[in-house]
Amino acid sequence: MRPKRVLVLNDIWEDAASLALALRMQGYEAIPTADAGALDGLIRKFHPSALVLDVREPAGQGVRIVEDLKFRLNGPRTICLSPAAFSPLDVRYDLFDSVLVKPVDFGQLISAIDLEEVA
């Protein structure tokens, strides 16, 4: 069985790279990026089953990015990593398939990635 592909978007490169490395160590194909502008191309080339991003990143555009993916690209599952102090009123959490609050439990992240969409 082919491993699930995960795209990790964070405007802090080291954070994206670290999470992608941890996911690869668990058997996933994971690609980090800090470039939201390259996201469309990466999704078309890599065909991830999940996109993991901080709702406030990159540059506070996480929600806009997910809205765009959902409506234009019929994009991958989206997993929102939300800062603990972030108000639920500030975000349309309904756009995301899963929402995890930082600090994120790695086991919960794995479970969110592995969820299958219900047809």
C-alpha atoms as a PDB file:
ATOM      1  CA  MET A   1       0.000   0.000   0.000  1.00  0.00           C
ATOM      2  CA  ARG A   2       1.322   3.405  -0.953  1.00  0.00           C
ATOM      3  CA  PRO A   3       1.968   5.794   1.957  1.00  0.00           C
ATOM      4  CA  LYS A   4      -0.277   8.813   2.322  1.00  0.00           C
ATOM      5  CA  ARG A   5       1.109  12.056   0.973  1.00  0.00           C
ATOM      6  CA  VAL A   6       1.081  15.085   3.251  1.00  0.00           C
ATOM      7  CA  LEU A   7       1.915  18.673   2.362  1.00  0.00           C
ATOM      8  CA  VAL A   8       2.992  20.812   5.327  1.00  0.00           C
ATOM      9  CA  LEU A   9       2.627  24.595   4.939  1.00  0.00           C
ATOM     10  CA  ASN A  10       4.142  26.951   7.483  1.00  0.00           C
ATOM     11  CA  ASP A  11       5.772  30.311   6.848  1.00  0.00           C
ATOM     12  CA  ILE A  12       8.571  29.289   9.209  1.00  0.00           C
ATOM     13  CA  TRP A  13      10.579  26.869   7.073  1.00  0.00           C
ATOM     14  CA  GLU A  14      12.134  25.065  10.032  1.00  0.00           C
ATOM     15  CA  ASP A  15       8.689  24.301  11.501  1.00  0.00           C
ATOM     16  CA  ALA A  16       7.404  22.923   8.189  1.00  0.00           C
ATOM     17  CA  ALA A  17      10.563  20.886   7.633  1.00  0.00           C
ATOM     18  CA  SER A  18      10.556  19.470  11.174  1.00  0.00           C
ATOM     19  CA  LEU A  19       6.943  18.332  10.971  1.00  0.00           C
ATOM     20  CA  ALA A  20       7.464  16.838   7.510  1.00  0.00           C
ATOM     21  CA  LEU A  21      10.512  14.941   8.804  1.00  0.00           C
ATOM     22  CA  ALA A  22       8.533  13.560  11.760  1.00  0.00           C
ATOM     23  CA  LEU A  23       5.789  12.442   9.362  1.00  0.00           C
ATOM     24  CA  ARG A  24       8.333  10.764   7.046  1.00  0.00           C
ATOM     25  CA  MET A  25       9.718   8.916  10.063  1.00  0.00           C
ATOM     26  CA  GLN A  26       6.186   7.505  10.540  1.00  0.00           C
ATOM     27  CA  GLY A  27       6.064   6.272   6.945  1.00  0.00           C
ATOM     28  CA  TYR A  28       4.285   9.157   5.195  1.00  0.00           C
ATOM     29  CA  GLU A  29       5.471  10.921   2.076  1.00  0.00           C
ATOM     30  CA  ALA A  30       5.685  14.487   3.363  1.00  0.00           C
ATOM     31  CA  ILE A  31       6.813  17.687   1.696  1.00  0.00           C
ATOM     32  CA  PRO A  32       7.364  20.926   3.615  1.00  0.00           C
ATOM     33  CA  THR A  33       6.863  24.359   2.120  1.00  0.00           C
ATOM     34  CA  ALA A  34       6.997  27.902   3.393  1.00  0.00           C
ATOM     35  CA  ASP A  35       5.816  29.326   0.064  1.00  0.00           C
ATOM     36  CA  ALA A  36       2.045  29.711  -0.088  1.00  0.00           C
ATOM     37  CA  GLY A  37       2.382  31.017  -3.628  1.00  0.00           C
ATOM     38  CA  ALA A  38       3.749  27.657  -4.756  1.00  0.00           C
ATOM     39  CA  LEU A  39       0.923  25.697  -3.122  1.00  0.00           C
ATOM     40  CA  ASP A  40      -1.192  25.208  -6.259  1.00  0.00           C
ATOM     41  CA  GLY A  41       1.733  23.777  -8.188  1.00  0.00           C
ATOM     42  CA  LEU A  42       2.769  21.519  -5.319  1.00  0.00           C
ATOM     43  CA  ILE A  43      -0.756  20.159  -4.946  1.00  0.00           C
ATOM     44  CA  ARG A  44      -1.030  19.450  -8.678  1.00  0.00           C
ATOM     45  CA  LYS A  45       2.400  17.781  -8.783  1.00  0.00           C
ATOM     46  CA  PHE A  46       2.424  15.941  -5.433  1.00  0.00           C
ATOM     47  CA  HIS A  47      -1.315  15.100  -5.117  1.00  0.00           C
ATOM     48  CA  PRO A  48      -1.346  15.104  -1.300  1.00  0.00           C
ATOM     49  CA  SER A  49      -4.111  13.402   0.602  1.00  0.00           C
ATOM     50  CA  ALA A  50      -3.753  15.999   3.374  1.00  0.00           C
ATOM     51  CA  LEU A  51      -2.602  19.585   3.806  1.00  0.00           C
ATOM     52  CA  VAL A  52      -1.451  20.557   7.297  1.00  0.00           C
ATOM     53  CA  LEU A  53      -1.225  24.284   7.991  1.00  0.00           C
ATOM     54  CA  ASP A  54      -1.328  26.806  10.782  1.00  0.00           C
ATOM     55  CA  VAL A  55      -4.542  28.805  10.425  1.00  0.00           C
ATOM     56  CA  ARG A  56      -2.638  32.061  10.949  1.00  0.00           C
ATOM     57  CA  GLU A  57       0.079  31.261   8.489  1.00  0.00           C
ATOM     58  CA  PRO A  58       1.395  32.052   6.032  1.00  0.00           C
ATOM     59  CA  ALA A  59       1.046  35.726   6.839  1.00  0.00           C
ATOM     60  CA  GLY A  60      -2.404  35.230   8.345  1.00  0.00           C
ATOM     61  CA  GLN A  61      -3.807  33.786   5.126  1.00  0.00           C
ATOM     62  CA  GLY A  62      -4.528  30.196   6.203  1.00  0.00           C
ATOM     63  CA  VAL A  63      -8.303  30.541   5.955  1.00  0.00           C
ATOM     64  CA  ARG A  64      -8.148  32.249   2.551  1.00  0.00           C
ATOM     65  CA  ILE A  65      -5.844  29.525   1.253  1.00  0.00           C
ATOM     66  CA  VAL A  66      -8.206  26.770   2.398  1.00  0.00           C
ATOM     67  CA  GLU A  67     -11.264  28.544   0.971  1.00  0.00           C
ATOM     68  CA  ASP A  68      -9.475  28.792  -2.362  1.00  0.00           C
ATOM     69  CA  LEU A  69      -8.418  25.127  -2.315  1.00  0.00           C
ATOM     70  CA  LYS A  70     -11.865  23.851  -1.404  1.00  0.00           C
ATOM     71  CA  PHE A  71     -13.703  25.768  -4.099  1.00  0.00           C
ATOM     72  CA  ARG A  72     -11.212  25.985  -6.945  1.00  0.00           C
ATOM     73  CA  LEU A  73      -9.089  22.879  -6.756  1.00  0.00           C
ATOM     74  CA  ASN A  74     -11.333  20.469  -4.854  1.00  0.00           C
ATOM     75  CA  GLY A  75      -8.229  20.146  -2.719  1.00  0.00           C
ATOM     76  CA  PRO A  76      -6.965  17.615  -0.215  1.00  0.00           C
ATOM     77  CA  ARG A  77      -8.165  17.087   3.370  1.00  0.00           C
ATOM     78  CA  THR A  78      -7.189  20.143   5.364  1.00  0.00           C
ATOM     79  CA  ILE A  79      -5.900  19.941   8.901  1.00  0.00           C
ATOM     80  CA  CYS A  80      -5.810  23.204  10.805  1.00  0.00           C
ATOM     81  CA  LEU A  81      -3.221  23.739  13.516  1.00  0.00           C
ATOM     82  CA  SER A  82      -4.606  26.499  15.696  1.00  0.00           C
ATOM     83  CA  PRO A  83      -2.775  28.455  18.393  1.00  0.00           C
ATOM     84  CA  ALA A  84      -4.371  27.840  21.796  1.00  0.00           C
ATOM     85  CA  ALA A  85      -5.115  31.546  22.282  1.00  0.00           C
ATOM     86  CA  PHE A  86      -6.833  31.897  18.908  1.00  0.00           C
ATOM     87  CA  SER A  87     -10.515  32.759  19.267  1.00  0.00           C
ATOM     88  CA  PRO A  88     -12.912  30.366  17.522  1.00  0.00           C
ATOM     89  CA  LEU A  89     -14.879  33.429  16.422  1.00  0.00           C
ATOM     90  CA  ASP A  90     -11.971  34.571  14.262  1.00  0.00           C
ATOM     91  CA  VAL A  91     -11.923  31.543  11.968  1.00  0.00           C
ATOM     92  CA  ARG A  92     -14.330  29.617   9.789  1.00  0.00           C
ATOM     93  CA  TYR A  93     -13.310  26.297  11.291  1.00  0.00           C
ATOM     94  CA  ASP A  94     -16.033  24.613   9.230  1.00  0.00           C
ATOM     95  CA  LEU A  95     -13.727  24.916   6.199  1.00  0.00           C
ATOM     96  CA  PHE A  96     -11.252  22.501   7.749  1.00  0.00           C
ATOM     97  CA  ASP A  97     -11.641  18.735   7.910  1.00  0.00           C
ATOM     98  CA  SER A  98      -9.860  18.645  11.281  1.00  0.00           C
ATOM     99  CA  VAL A  99      -8.822  21.297  13.791  1.00  0.00           C
ATOM    100  CA  LEU A 100      -6.076  20.661  16.334  1.00  0.00           C
ATOM    101  CA  VAL A 101      -5.001  23.140  19.010  1.00  0.00           C
ATOM    102  CA  LYS A 102      -1.319  23.784  19.657  1.00  0.00           C
ATOM    103  CA  PRO A 103       0.664  22.254  21.153  1.00  0.00           C
ATOM    104  CA  VAL A 104      -0.501  19.455  18.887  1.00  0.00           C
ATOM    105  CA  ASP A 105      -0.452  15.876  20.078  1.00  0.00           C
ATOM    106  CA  PHE A 106       1.378  14.000  17.298  1.00  0.00           C
ATOM    107  CA  GLY A 107      -0.904  10.973  17.678  1.00  0.00           C
ATOM    108  CA  GLN A 108      -3.959  13.162  17.105  1.00  0.00           C
ATOM    109  CA  LEU A 109      -2.322  14.641  14.010  1.00  0.00           C
ATOM    110  CA  ILE A 110      -1.654  11.150  12.647  1.00  0.00           C
ATOM    111  CA  SER A 111      -5.285  10.190  13.330  1.00  0.00           C
ATOM    112  CA  ALA A 112      -6.521  13.313  11.527  1.00  0.00           C
ATOM    113  CA  ILE A 113      -4.330  12.562   8.503  1.00  0.00           C
ATOM    114  CA  ASP A 114      -5.456   8.941   8.378  1.00  0.00           C
ATOM    115  CA  LEU A 115      -9.195   9.701   8.508  1.00  0.00           C
ATOM    116  CA  GLU A 116     -10.895   8.649   5.318  1.00  0.00           C
ATOM    117  CA  GLU A 117     -13.445  10.921   3.751  1.00  0.00           C
ATOM    118  CA  VAL A 118     -16.981   9.614   3.916  1.00  0.00           C
ATOM    119  CA  ALA A 119     -18.590   9.511   0.489  1.00  0.00           C
END
